[in-house]
């Protein structure tokens, strides 16, 4: 594909995204997407699903946690600033809405919405790997892996081991999932 074809393709995709945002209720779309993803995670963590363990399983769950927590924050941004303003910000060059950095996304959420969903603080931690430590107002703490870092860790020749910093055991993962579900349940009615 030459440069002109790539640019035309990008224009078509951009227009399609804009049409979806303008024609549909983006809030409902996000809620539906998060709902279905969380149901999949819940099934994956349930006793019905075979007990998978190890780095690959943990990594897959962590990617899903990261992706969905980012969507929850984007839902809160829409609820904070409205769909029209969201679309304007999304189309801006170097828009922070295109970021996967949870602390930056949280800064776009109104303080009222942050309080309503029980989030107190998001701290970015960069040790061997990047992740976010999230504290709720009732002092529950959980971690979300940096979305880009966990997807592309192989490019820096690092592999996450099950016991490595940031990796979780199944029971801890289930507890953290319940906190994420609780935040989402508050976000969907905020």
Protein backbone atom coordinates (compact mmCIF):
# COMPACT_ATOMS: atom_id res chain seq x y z
CA UNK A 1 0.00 0.00 0.00
CA UNK A 2 1.51 3.34 -1.03
CA UNK A 3 1.34 6.55 1.06
CA UNK A 4 -1.68 7.93 -0.79
CA UNK A 5 -3.63 4.71 -0.28
CA UNK A 6 -2.67 4.70 3.41
CA UNK A 7 -3.85 8.29 3.83
CA UNK A 8 -7.14 7.53 2.06
CA UNK A 9 -7.62 4.48 4.27
CA UNK A 10 -6.94 6.60 7.39
CA UNK A 11 -9.51 9.18 6.23
CA UNK A 12 -12.13 6.47 5.70
CA UNK A 13 -11.48 5.01 9.17
CA UNK A 14 -11.56 8.47 10.79
CA UNK A 15 -14.88 9.27 9.08
CA UNK A 16 -16.34 5.92 10.09
CA UNK A 17 -15.35 6.51 13.73
CA UNK A 18 -16.83 10.01 13.64
CA UNK A 19 -20.07 8.67 12.14
CA UNK A 20 -20.36 6.08 14.91
CA UNK A 21 -19.73 8.71 17.58
CA UNK A 22 -22.29 11.10 16.08
CA UNK A 23 -25.03 8.60 15.23
CA UNK A 24 -24.90 6.33 18.24
CA UNK A 25 -25.02 6.77 21.96
CA UNK A 26 -21.32 6.34 22.68
CA UNK A 27 -22.00 5.96 26.40
CA UNK A 28 -24.25 2.94 25.75
CA UNK A 29 -21.71 1.54 23.31
CA UNK A 30 -18.93 1.76 25.91
CA UNK A 31 -21.12 0.28 28.64
CA UNK A 32 -22.01 -2.66 26.38
CA UNK A 33 -18.38 -3.23 25.44
CA UNK A 34 -17.20 -3.10 29.06
CA UNK A 35 -20.08 -5.33 30.20
CA UNK A 36 -19.29 -8.06 27.68
CA UNK A 37 -15.56 -7.89 28.40
CA UNK A 38 -16.11 -8.11 32.15
CA UNK A 39 -18.42 -11.11 31.67
CA UNK A 40 -15.65 -12.82 29.71
CA UNK A 41 -13.10 -12.05 32.44
CA UNK A 42 -15.49 -13.27 35.12
CA UNK A 43 -15.98 -16.53 33.25
CA UNK A 44 -12.22 -16.87 32.80
CA UNK A 45 -11.70 -16.46 36.54
CA UNK A 46 -14.61 -18.70 37.55
CA UNK A 47 -14.56 -22.27 38.73
CA UNK A 48 -16.32 -23.27 35.48
CA UNK A 49 -13.28 -22.34 33.42
CA UNK A 50 -10.34 -24.73 33.61
CA UNK A 51 -7.70 -23.52 36.04
CA UNK A 52 -5.10 -21.95 33.84
CA UNK A 53 -2.01 -20.62 35.48
CA UNK A 54 1.33 -19.24 34.52
CA UNK A 55 2.71 -16.19 32.84
CA UNK A 56 0.71 -16.40 29.61
CA UNK A 57 -2.61 -16.74 31.42
CA UNK A 58 -1.75 -13.93 33.85
CA UNK A 59 -0.59 -11.71 30.99
CA UNK A 60 -3.84 -12.25 29.07
CA UNK A 61 -5.95 -11.38 32.11
CA UNK A 62 -3.78 -8.34 32.83
CA UNK A 63 -4.21 -7.10 29.26
CA UNK A 64 -7.98 -7.43 29.63
CA UNK A 65 -7.92 -5.64 33.01
CA UNK A 66 -5.87 -2.80 31.54
CA UNK A 67 -8.02 -2.43 28.43
CA UNK A 68 -11.27 -2.43 30.37
CA UNK A 69 -10.11 -0.08 33.10
CA UNK A 70 -9.07 2.33 30.36
CA UNK A 71 -12.58 2.03 28.85
CA UNK A 72 -14.12 2.71 32.27
CA UNK A 73 -12.06 5.91 32.54
CA UNK A 74 -13.10 6.95 29.03
CA UNK A 75 -16.74 6.36 29.99
CA UNK A 76 -16.22 8.63 33.00
CA UNK A 77 -14.67 11.27 30.73
CA UNK A 78 -17.75 11.22 28.49
CA UNK A 79 -19.96 11.51 31.55
CA UNK A 80 -17.81 14.43 32.76
CA UNK A 81 -17.55 16.51 29.58
CA UNK A 82 -20.31 15.24 27.30
CA UNK A 83 -20.19 13.48 23.95
CA UNK A 84 -19.67 16.56 21.77
CA UNK A 85 -16.68 17.80 23.79
CA UNK A 86 -15.32 14.24 23.88
CA UNK A 87 -15.45 14.06 20.06
CA UNK A 88 -13.68 17.43 19.75
CA UNK A 89 -10.93 16.35 22.15
CA UNK A 90 -10.60 12.95 20.46
CA UNK A 91 -10.05 14.55 17.05
CA UNK A 92 -7.41 16.99 18.32
CA UNK A 93 -3.80 16.22 17.41
CA UNK A 94 -1.97 14.57 20.29
CA UNK A 95 -5.21 14.15 22.18
CA UNK A 96 -4.78 12.75 25.69
CA UNK A 97 -7.90 10.70 24.99
CA UNK A 98 -5.77 8.55 22.68
CA UNK A 99 -3.40 7.86 25.54
CA UNK A 100 -3.26 4.58 27.41
CA UNK A 101 -1.83 6.31 30.48
CA UNK A 102 -4.40 5.84 33.23
CA UNK A 103 -3.17 8.74 35.36
CA UNK A 104 -3.51 11.12 32.38
CA UNK A 105 -7.01 9.83 31.59
CA UNK A 106 -8.06 10.23 35.23
CA UNK A 107 -7.03 13.90 35.04
CA UNK A 108 -9.72 14.38 32.35
CA UNK A 109 -12.47 13.05 34.65
CA UNK A 110 -14.36 15.52 36.81
CA UNK A 111 -13.61 15.31 40.57
CA UNK A 112 -17.31 14.60 41.18
CA UNK A 113 -17.28 11.54 38.89
CA UNK A 114 -14.03 10.29 40.43
CA UNK A 115 -15.63 10.47 43.87
CA UNK A 116 -18.85 8.81 42.66
CA UNK A 117 -16.97 5.72 41.49
CA UNK A 118 -14.84 5.48 44.63
CA UNK A 119 -11.44 6.21 43.07
CA UNK A 120 -9.05 8.11 45.31
CA UNK A 121 -5.74 8.01 43.47
CA UNK A 122 -3.86 6.47 40.54
CA UNK A 123 -0.09 6.26 40.85
CA UNK A 124 2.14 5.23 37.94
CA UNK A 125 4.97 2.94 39.02
CA UNK A 126 7.97 2.19 36.83
CA UNK A 127 10.26 -0.52 38.12
CA UNK A 128 11.10 -3.53 36.00
CA UNK A 129 7.70 -3.06 34.32
CA UNK A 130 5.23 -0.16 34.27
CA UNK A 131 1.93 -0.43 36.10
CA UNK A 132 -0.58 1.66 38.02
CA UNK A 133 -1.41 1.39 41.69
CA UNK A 134 -5.04 2.41 42.17
CA UNK A 135 -6.38 3.29 45.59
CA UNK A 136 -10.10 3.53 46.27
CA UNK A 137 -11.68 5.92 48.74
CA UNK A 138 -12.28 2.98 51.09
CA UNK A 139 -8.52 2.21 50.94
CA UNK A 140 -8.66 -0.86 48.70
CA UNK A 141 -5.58 -1.10 46.51
CA UNK A 142 -5.17 -2.91 43.21
CA UNK A 143 -2.83 -2.73 40.25
CA UNK A 144 -3.38 -2.39 36.54
CA UNK A 145 -0.53 -3.06 34.15
CA UNK A 146 0.41 -0.32 31.69
CA UNK A 147 -1.45 -1.26 28.50
CA UNK A 148 1.43 -0.55 26.13
CA UNK A 149 4.07 -2.03 28.41
CA UNK A 150 2.30 -5.36 28.87
CA UNK A 151 1.54 -5.72 25.17
CA UNK A 152 5.03 -4.86 23.97
CA UNK A 153 7.27 -6.11 26.78
CA UNK A 154 8.78 -8.63 24.37
CA UNK A 155 10.35 -5.76 22.38
CA UNK A 156 12.64 -4.98 25.30
CA UNK A 157 13.42 -8.65 25.82
CA UNK A 158 11.66 -8.92 29.17
CA UNK A 159 9.29 -11.69 30.12
CA UNK A 160 6.86 -11.46 33.00
CA UNK A 161 7.14 -14.40 35.32
CA UNK A 162 4.23 -15.55 37.46
CA UNK A 163 5.93 -14.48 40.69
CA UNK A 164 7.43 -11.30 39.24
CA UNK A 165 6.51 -7.89 40.61
CA UNK A 166 3.06 -6.94 39.39
CA UNK A 167 2.02 -10.51 38.58
CA UNK A 168 -0.80 -11.88 40.69
CA UNK A 169 -2.07 -15.13 42.00
CA UNK A 170 -5.60 -16.23 41.04
CA UNK A 171 -7.28 -15.32 44.36
CA UNK A 172 -5.70 -11.87 44.40
CA UNK A 173 -6.76 -11.40 40.76
CA UNK A 174 -10.35 -12.34 41.66
CA UNK A 175 -10.40 -9.78 44.50
CA UNK A 176 -9.06 -7.07 42.21
CA UNK A 177 -11.64 -8.00 39.57
CA UNK A 178 -14.41 -7.45 42.13
CA UNK A 179 -13.06 -3.94 42.81
CA UNK A 180 -13.01 -3.17 39.08
CA UNK A 181 -16.57 -4.49 38.71
CA UNK A 182 -17.67 -2.30 41.62
CA UNK A 183 -16.10 0.80 40.03
CA UNK A 184 -17.81 -0.03 36.74
CA UNK A 185 -21.20 -0.60 38.39
CA UNK A 186 -20.93 2.90 39.90
CA UNK A 187 -19.72 4.41 36.60
CA UNK A 188 -22.60 3.03 34.56
CA UNK A 189 -25.16 4.82 36.77
CA UNK A 190 -23.11 7.98 37.38
